[in-house]
């Protein structure tokens, strides 16, 4: 079963989290469609999302997904590859 991205934010945990009017979640949905139902990130989150919400600070993506009927709250850290499931 495919991953369904419900919502997502990108930024510095506890300080800055942006969804850019749904742009973050939509980009992740496109990624799932391009990767056969899986979420696959190479770690370069600024390039992936197309913006840097906090230059010089470590960032992460907070991703709320549904997979196999269960909801999951995932975190992808900048600079680290991420795959789900």
C-alpha atoms as a PDB file:
ATOM      1  CA  UNK A   1       0.000   0.000   0.000  1.00  0.00           C
ATOM      2  CA  UNK A   2       1.164   3.506  -0.795  1.00  0.00           C
ATOM      3  CA  UNK A   3       2.120   6.129   1.739  1.00  0.00           C
ATOM      4  CA  UNK A   4      -0.450   8.921   2.010  1.00  0.00           C
ATOM      5  CA  UNK A   5       1.032  12.257   3.098  1.00  0.00           C
ATOM      6  CA  UNK A   6      -1.536  13.982   5.301  1.00  0.00           C
ATOM      7  CA  UNK A   7       0.479  17.067   6.194  1.00  0.00           C
ATOM      8  CA  UNK A   8       4.084  18.160   6.588  1.00  0.00           C
ATOM      9  CA  UNK A   9       6.282  20.968   7.869  1.00  0.00           C
ATOM     10  CA  UNK A  10       9.901  21.885   7.313  1.00  0.00           C
ATOM     11  CA  UNK A  11      12.148  23.962   9.533  1.00  0.00           C
ATOM     12  CA  UNK A  12      13.934  24.114  12.857  1.00  0.00           C
ATOM     13  CA  UNK A  13      12.134  22.065  15.467  1.00  0.00           C
ATOM     14  CA  UNK A  14      10.621  24.253  18.157  1.00  0.00           C
ATOM     15  CA  UNK A  15      11.472  27.528  16.412  1.00  0.00           C
ATOM     16  CA  UNK A  16      10.492  27.591  12.770  1.00  0.00           C
ATOM     17  CA  UNK A  17       8.179  25.200  11.039  1.00  0.00           C
ATOM     18  CA  UNK A  18       6.760  26.049   7.660  1.00  0.00           C
ATOM     19  CA  UNK A  19       4.378  24.297   5.355  1.00  0.00           C
ATOM     20  CA  UNK A  20       4.459  27.069   2.725  1.00  0.00           C
ATOM     21  CA  UNK A  21       0.752  26.892   2.038  1.00  0.00           C
ATOM     22  CA  UNK A  22       0.855  23.144   1.558  1.00  0.00           C
ATOM     23  CA  UNK A  23       3.958  23.229  -0.687  1.00  0.00           C
ATOM     24  CA  UNK A  24       5.922  20.953   1.666  1.00  0.00           C
ATOM     25  CA  UNK A  25       3.237  18.254   1.768  1.00  0.00           C
ATOM     26  CA  UNK A  26       2.615  18.504  -1.975  1.00  0.00           C
ATOM     27  CA  UNK A  27       6.312  18.049  -2.760  1.00  0.00           C
ATOM     28  CA  UNK A  28       6.340  14.944  -0.546  1.00  0.00           C
ATOM     29  CA  UNK A  29       3.231  13.594  -2.303  1.00  0.00           C
ATOM     30  CA  UNK A  30       5.014  14.004  -5.632  1.00  0.00           C
ATOM     31  CA  UNK A  31       7.992  12.133  -4.196  1.00  0.00           C
ATOM     32  CA  UNK A  32       5.782   9.222  -3.117  1.00  0.00           C
ATOM     33  CA  UNK A  33       4.221   9.066  -6.593  1.00  0.00           C
ATOM     34  CA  UNK A  34       7.661   9.051  -8.232  1.00  0.00           C
ATOM     35  CA  UNK A  35       8.984   6.304  -5.929  1.00  0.00           C
ATOM     36  CA  UNK A  36       6.333   3.625  -6.264  1.00  0.00           C
ATOM     37  CA  UNK A  37       4.418   4.540  -3.121  1.00  0.00           C
ATOM     38  CA  UNK A  38       7.461   5.029  -0.885  1.00  0.00           C
ATOM     39  CA  UNK A  39       8.853   8.219   0.598  1.00  0.00           C
ATOM     40  CA  UNK A  40      12.521   8.549  -0.406  1.00  0.00           C
ATOM     41  CA  UNK A  41      14.610  11.611   0.523  1.00  0.00           C
ATOM     42  CA  UNK A  42      18.323  11.980  -0.209  1.00  0.00           C
ATOM     43  CA  UNK A  43      19.041  14.298   2.735  1.00  0.00           C
ATOM     44  CA  UNK A  44      19.366  17.596   0.832  1.00  0.00           C
ATOM     45  CA  UNK A  45      16.099  18.956   2.153  1.00  0.00           C
ATOM     46  CA  UNK A  46      16.723  22.583   1.123  1.00  0.00           C
ATOM     47  CA  UNK A  47      17.098  21.533  -2.511  1.00  0.00           C
ATOM     48  CA  UNK A  48      14.201  19.087  -2.256  1.00  0.00           C
ATOM     49  CA  UNK A  49      11.730  21.643  -0.879  1.00  0.00           C
ATOM     50  CA  UNK A  50      13.196  24.578  -2.803  1.00  0.00           C
ATOM     51  CA  UNK A  51      13.746  26.891   0.154  1.00  0.00           C
ATOM     52  CA  UNK A  52      15.808  27.265   3.324  1.00  0.00           C
ATOM     53  CA  UNK A  53      13.638  28.423   6.240  1.00  0.00           C
ATOM     54  CA  UNK A  54      16.604  28.902   8.604  1.00  0.00           C
ATOM     55  CA  UNK A  55      19.983  29.383   6.906  1.00  0.00           C
ATOM     56  CA  UNK A  56      22.840  27.911   8.910  1.00  0.00           C
ATOM     57  CA  UNK A  57      20.622  25.972  11.329  1.00  0.00           C
ATOM     58  CA  UNK A  58      20.020  22.201  11.233  1.00  0.00           C
ATOM     59  CA  UNK A  59      16.524  21.498   9.978  1.00  0.00           C
ATOM     60  CA  UNK A  60      14.105  18.627   9.775  1.00  0.00           C
ATOM     61  CA  UNK A  61      10.898  17.721   8.041  1.00  0.00           C
ATOM     62  CA  UNK A  62       7.983  16.640  10.215  1.00  0.00           C
ATOM     63  CA  UNK A  63       5.769  14.389   8.134  1.00  0.00           C
ATOM     64  CA  UNK A  64       2.316  13.079   9.080  1.00  0.00           C
ATOM     65  CA  UNK A  65       1.455  10.039   6.959  1.00  0.00           C
ATOM     66  CA  UNK A  66      -1.020   7.186   6.729  1.00  0.00           C
ATOM     67  CA  UNK A  67       0.273   3.754   5.733  1.00  0.00           C
ATOM     68  CA  UNK A  68      -1.613   0.454   5.900  1.00  0.00           C
ATOM     69  CA  UNK A  69      -4.448   2.162   7.767  1.00  0.00           C
ATOM     70  CA  UNK A  70      -2.207   3.535  10.521  1.00  0.00           C
ATOM     71  CA  UNK A  71      -1.025   7.095  11.028  1.00  0.00           C
ATOM     72  CA  UNK A  72       2.641   7.831  11.649  1.00  0.00           C
ATOM     73  CA  UNK A  73       4.487  11.004  12.629  1.00  0.00           C
ATOM     74  CA  UNK A  74       7.895  10.900  10.981  1.00  0.00           C
ATOM     75  CA  UNK A  75      10.993  13.105  11.200  1.00  0.00           C
ATOM     76  CA  UNK A  76      13.546  13.440   8.409  1.00  0.00           C
ATOM     77  CA  UNK A  77      16.766  15.217   9.364  1.00  0.00           C
ATOM     78  CA  UNK A  78      18.644  17.469   6.988  1.00  0.00           C
ATOM     79  CA  UNK A  79      21.787  15.781   5.684  1.00  0.00           C
ATOM     80  CA  UNK A  80      20.552  12.228   6.301  1.00  0.00           C
ATOM     81  CA  UNK A  81      18.843  10.012   3.728  1.00  0.00           C
ATOM     82  CA  UNK A  82      15.319   8.989   4.718  1.00  0.00           C
ATOM     83  CA  UNK A  83      13.077   6.170   3.459  1.00  0.00           C
ATOM     84  CA  UNK A  84       9.589   5.073   4.520  1.00  0.00           C
ATOM     85  CA  UNK A  85       8.479   2.330   4.562  1.00  0.00           C
END
